[in-house]
N, C-alpha and C. Protein backbone atom coordinates (compact mmCIF):
# COMPACT_ATOMS: atom_id res chain seq x y z
N MET A 1 -15.32 6.22 -19.54
CA MET A 1 -15.56 7.64 -19.38
C MET A 1 -15.14 8.06 -17.97
N LEU A 2 -14.38 9.12 -17.87
CA LEU A 2 -13.93 9.61 -16.58
C LEU A 2 -15.03 10.40 -15.89
N PRO A 3 -15.13 10.29 -14.57
CA PRO A 3 -16.15 11.07 -13.86
C PRO A 3 -15.81 12.56 -13.89
N ALA A 4 -16.85 13.37 -13.87
CA ALA A 4 -16.65 14.82 -13.87
C ALA A 4 -16.05 15.27 -12.54
N LEU A 5 -15.26 16.31 -12.59
CA LEU A 5 -14.69 16.87 -11.36
C LEU A 5 -15.77 17.58 -10.57
N HIS A 6 -15.70 17.48 -9.26
CA HIS A 6 -16.66 18.16 -8.41
C HIS A 6 -16.31 19.64 -8.34
N LEU A 7 -17.32 20.47 -8.44
CA LEU A 7 -17.09 21.90 -8.29
C LEU A 7 -17.14 22.31 -6.83
N ASP A 8 -17.74 21.47 -6.00
CA ASP A 8 -17.81 21.75 -4.58
C ASP A 8 -16.43 21.48 -3.96
N GLY A 9 -15.91 22.46 -3.23
CA GLY A 9 -14.56 22.33 -2.67
C GLY A 9 -14.42 21.17 -1.70
N GLU A 10 -15.45 20.92 -0.87
CA GLU A 10 -15.36 19.85 0.12
C GLU A 10 -15.32 18.48 -0.55
N LYS A 11 -16.17 18.27 -1.54
CA LYS A 11 -16.17 16.98 -2.24
C LYS A 11 -14.86 16.79 -3.00
N ASN A 12 -14.37 17.87 -3.60
CA ASN A 12 -13.12 17.79 -4.34
C ASN A 12 -11.97 17.43 -3.40
N MET A 13 -11.97 18.00 -2.21
CA MET A 13 -10.92 17.70 -1.23
C MET A 13 -11.02 16.25 -0.77
N THR A 14 -12.25 15.76 -0.56
CA THR A 14 -12.43 14.37 -0.15
C THR A 14 -11.90 13.43 -1.23
N SER A 15 -12.20 13.72 -2.48
CA SER A 15 -11.72 12.89 -3.58
C SER A 15 -10.20 12.91 -3.65
N ARG A 16 -9.63 14.07 -3.42
CA ARG A 16 -8.17 14.20 -3.48
C ARG A 16 -7.52 13.41 -2.35
N VAL A 17 -8.09 13.48 -1.16
CA VAL A 17 -7.55 12.73 -0.02
C VAL A 17 -7.66 11.23 -0.28
N GLN A 18 -8.79 10.79 -0.82
CA GLN A 18 -8.96 9.37 -1.13
C GLN A 18 -7.95 8.92 -2.19
N ALA A 19 -7.70 9.76 -3.18
CA ALA A 19 -6.73 9.41 -4.21
C ALA A 19 -5.33 9.31 -3.63
N GLU A 20 -4.97 10.26 -2.76
CA GLU A 20 -3.65 10.22 -2.14
C GLU A 20 -3.51 9.01 -1.22
N ALA A 21 -4.57 8.66 -0.52
CA ALA A 21 -4.53 7.47 0.35
C ALA A 21 -4.36 6.21 -0.49
N GLY A 22 -5.00 6.16 -1.64
CA GLY A 22 -4.85 5.01 -2.54
C GLY A 22 -3.43 4.88 -3.06
N VAL A 23 -2.85 6.00 -3.44
CA VAL A 23 -1.46 5.99 -3.93
C VAL A 23 -0.52 5.55 -2.81
N LEU A 24 -0.76 6.04 -1.60
CA LEU A 24 0.07 5.64 -0.46
C LEU A 24 -0.05 4.15 -0.20
N ALA A 25 -1.27 3.63 -0.25
CA ALA A 25 -1.48 2.19 -0.02
C ALA A 25 -0.75 1.36 -1.07
N LEU A 26 -0.86 1.75 -2.33
CA LEU A 26 -0.17 1.01 -3.40
C LEU A 26 1.34 1.09 -3.24
N THR A 27 1.83 2.25 -2.82
CA THR A 27 3.27 2.40 -2.59
C THR A 27 3.75 1.48 -1.47
N LEU A 28 2.98 1.44 -0.38
CA LEU A 28 3.35 0.56 0.74
C LEU A 28 3.33 -0.91 0.33
N ILE A 29 2.32 -1.30 -0.44
CA ILE A 29 2.25 -2.69 -0.90
C ILE A 29 3.46 -3.02 -1.76
N ALA A 30 3.81 -2.11 -2.67
CA ALA A 30 4.98 -2.34 -3.53
C ALA A 30 6.26 -2.45 -2.71
N LEU A 31 6.40 -1.59 -1.70
CA LEU A 31 7.59 -1.66 -0.85
C LEU A 31 7.65 -2.96 -0.06
N PHE A 32 6.51 -3.41 0.46
CA PHE A 32 6.49 -4.67 1.20
C PHE A 32 6.84 -5.85 0.30
N VAL A 33 6.30 -5.86 -0.91
CA VAL A 33 6.59 -6.96 -1.83
C VAL A 33 8.07 -6.95 -2.20
N THR A 34 8.61 -5.78 -2.49
CA THR A 34 10.03 -5.67 -2.82
C THR A 34 10.90 -6.14 -1.66
N ALA A 35 10.55 -5.72 -0.45
CA ALA A 35 11.32 -6.13 0.73
C ALA A 35 11.27 -7.63 0.92
N SER A 36 10.11 -8.23 0.69
CA SER A 36 10.01 -9.68 0.88
C SER A 36 10.84 -10.43 -0.14
N VAL A 37 10.89 -9.94 -1.37
CA VAL A 37 11.70 -10.59 -2.40
C VAL A 37 13.18 -10.48 -2.05
N VAL A 38 13.62 -9.32 -1.63
CA VAL A 38 15.02 -9.13 -1.25
C VAL A 38 15.38 -10.02 -0.07
N VAL A 39 14.50 -10.09 0.91
CA VAL A 39 14.76 -10.93 2.09
C VAL A 39 14.84 -12.39 1.69
N GLU A 40 13.97 -12.84 0.78
CA GLU A 40 14.02 -14.24 0.35
C GLU A 40 15.33 -14.55 -0.35
N ILE A 41 15.88 -13.60 -1.05
CA ILE A 41 17.13 -13.83 -1.78
C ILE A 41 18.32 -13.92 -0.83
N VAL A 42 18.35 -13.05 0.18
CA VAL A 42 19.57 -12.94 0.99
C VAL A 42 19.46 -13.50 2.41
N ALA A 43 18.28 -13.92 2.86
CA ALA A 43 18.12 -14.29 4.27
C ALA A 43 17.74 -15.76 4.43
N ASP A 44 17.71 -16.19 5.68
CA ASP A 44 17.32 -17.57 5.97
C ASP A 44 15.80 -17.66 6.15
N GLU A 45 15.31 -18.88 6.36
CA GLU A 45 13.87 -19.13 6.40
C GLU A 45 13.16 -18.44 7.56
N ASP A 46 13.82 -18.33 8.70
CA ASP A 46 13.19 -17.67 9.86
C ASP A 46 12.91 -16.20 9.59
N VAL A 47 13.86 -15.53 8.96
CA VAL A 47 13.68 -14.11 8.65
C VAL A 47 12.58 -13.93 7.61
N VAL A 48 12.54 -14.82 6.62
CA VAL A 48 11.50 -14.76 5.59
C VAL A 48 10.12 -14.92 6.23
N ALA A 49 9.98 -15.87 7.13
CA ALA A 49 8.70 -16.08 7.81
C ALA A 49 8.30 -14.85 8.63
N LEU A 50 9.27 -14.24 9.30
CA LEU A 50 9.00 -13.04 10.10
C LEU A 50 8.53 -11.89 9.21
N ILE A 51 9.20 -11.66 8.09
CA ILE A 51 8.83 -10.58 7.18
C ILE A 51 7.45 -10.83 6.58
N ARG A 52 7.17 -12.06 6.19
CA ARG A 52 5.84 -12.37 5.63
C ARG A 52 4.74 -12.13 6.66
N THR A 53 4.98 -12.50 7.90
CA THR A 53 4.00 -12.26 8.96
C THR A 53 3.78 -10.76 9.14
N ALA A 54 4.85 -9.99 9.14
CA ALA A 54 4.74 -8.53 9.29
C ALA A 54 3.96 -7.92 8.13
N ILE A 55 4.20 -8.42 6.93
CA ILE A 55 3.47 -7.91 5.75
C ILE A 55 1.99 -8.22 5.87
N HIS A 56 1.65 -9.44 6.25
CA HIS A 56 0.24 -9.81 6.38
C HIS A 56 -0.46 -8.97 7.44
N ILE A 57 0.21 -8.73 8.56
CA ILE A 57 -0.38 -7.91 9.62
C ILE A 57 -0.57 -6.47 9.15
N ALA A 58 0.42 -5.94 8.43
CA ALA A 58 0.34 -4.56 7.97
C ALA A 58 -0.75 -4.36 6.92
N LEU A 59 -1.00 -5.39 6.10
CA LEU A 59 -1.98 -5.25 5.03
C LEU A 59 -3.39 -5.67 5.43
N MET A 60 -3.59 -6.18 6.63
CA MET A 60 -4.92 -6.60 7.07
C MET A 60 -5.97 -5.50 6.97
N PRO A 61 -5.68 -4.27 7.40
CA PRO A 61 -6.72 -3.23 7.32
C PRO A 61 -7.12 -2.87 5.90
N LEU A 62 -6.27 -3.15 4.93
CA LEU A 62 -6.60 -2.81 3.55
C LEU A 62 -7.55 -3.83 3.02
C-alpha cells in the first residue's frame, strides 16, 4: 500500500527533496558502476585500482 500524500506543503516539499536526492544517488551509483566496467575493459590495473578507490570514497557518505 502506498503512503498517502501529505497535504501540508512543507512535508510535501521535504518528501519531494528526499525523493530527488534518492534518484540522484542511484544515478551516481549507476554512473560509477558503468565507468568502472568501461575502465576495466579498456585500461590497465593501476587505472582500475584508482577508479575503484575513487568510487569507494565517493560512496562512503551513502
